[in-house]
C-alpha cells in the first residue's frame, strides 16, 4: 500500500491491485467505501481503474481491426501489479506494460499513471503509449464508491441517457435527460450510462463536504449506480459506454466513445476530483 497526503486529503492505493484507491479521507472523513466482502470476492471497491473494457461486454469478446479479443468486465488492469517509478508525499508515478495484461490486451506499449494531490483535488493523469505498429482501442474509467452522507445531493451536466437491455447492455438508442437540478442521493435508484456533447461536470454535495468530478475532453460518459439500500453511490467518469468496442463495431462511434490510438503514438487524458467544505 502507498499513501499520499496534503493538509486536507489522505489517500491510500494498492499498487498490487491495479492502484485501486482503498481509502480517501478529506478533513479526516472517509469518503469512499472499500467493503471487505467485496474485496474478498474480487469485485470492484474503493476507486478502481477500469481499462481497457469498462463495465459489461456483450458475449465476452469484441472485434477490432480484424482481431477478435476476449474481454473482461471492468477490464483486466484493475487487478494488475504496477511498477512504482516515484513516490513523494503528495504524488505517485507508476507504470505497467501491456504485456502484463496478457491476452486480454494483446498490444505493445505501456499504461502510465501520475496520481497526485493539488489544490484540494485528487488528479489522475493517464498516458496510454502504443509502441506497436497497429492501432489499439480502449475505454478508460474510474469506478468510485462514494460513501453516502446525510443530506447528500447529486447533480451533473448529463445530456443523454442510453437505453439498455435487461442485461444492462446499451441498445444504441438514447433519450435526452436533465440532471442539472440536484437530486436527493438517498432516494435514487439507478444503474445507467449517460453521455454528453461536452465534458461532464458532476457534483456530490453534503453538509460534511462537496466533491466535483471532471475530466479531460475524452471523459464525456458517466455511469451512475446506486439504490436506496446501498450505502454508496457510484458516479463513474468514463471515456466510453458500456460494451464500447462492440458498439463501435456496429457503427455507433459517437455513442461508444471508444478511443483509438494509432501505432507508435500516445494518448493522454485525466480525471480530477475536487473537494471543498
Foldseek 3Di string as FASTA:
>chain_A
DAWADDPFWIWDFDLQFLRATCFIGGNRHTWFFADPVCVVVVHDGAKFKQKFAEAAAPPQWFDDPRDIAGADYSGQSRNHHWDWPDDDRFKTKTKDFVVSSPRNFPFGWMWIWIWGDDDQKTKIKIKTFGAFQAKDKGKIKIWTWTFDDVQKKKAKPFFKWFDADPVRHGPLDIDTDHRHDIDGPLADAFWTKTFDPFWMWMKIDDPVKIKIKTKPGLQGMWTWHDHNVDRTIITMGMSADRNLRRCVVVVSPVRGSMDMDHHRGMDMMMMMIHMDD
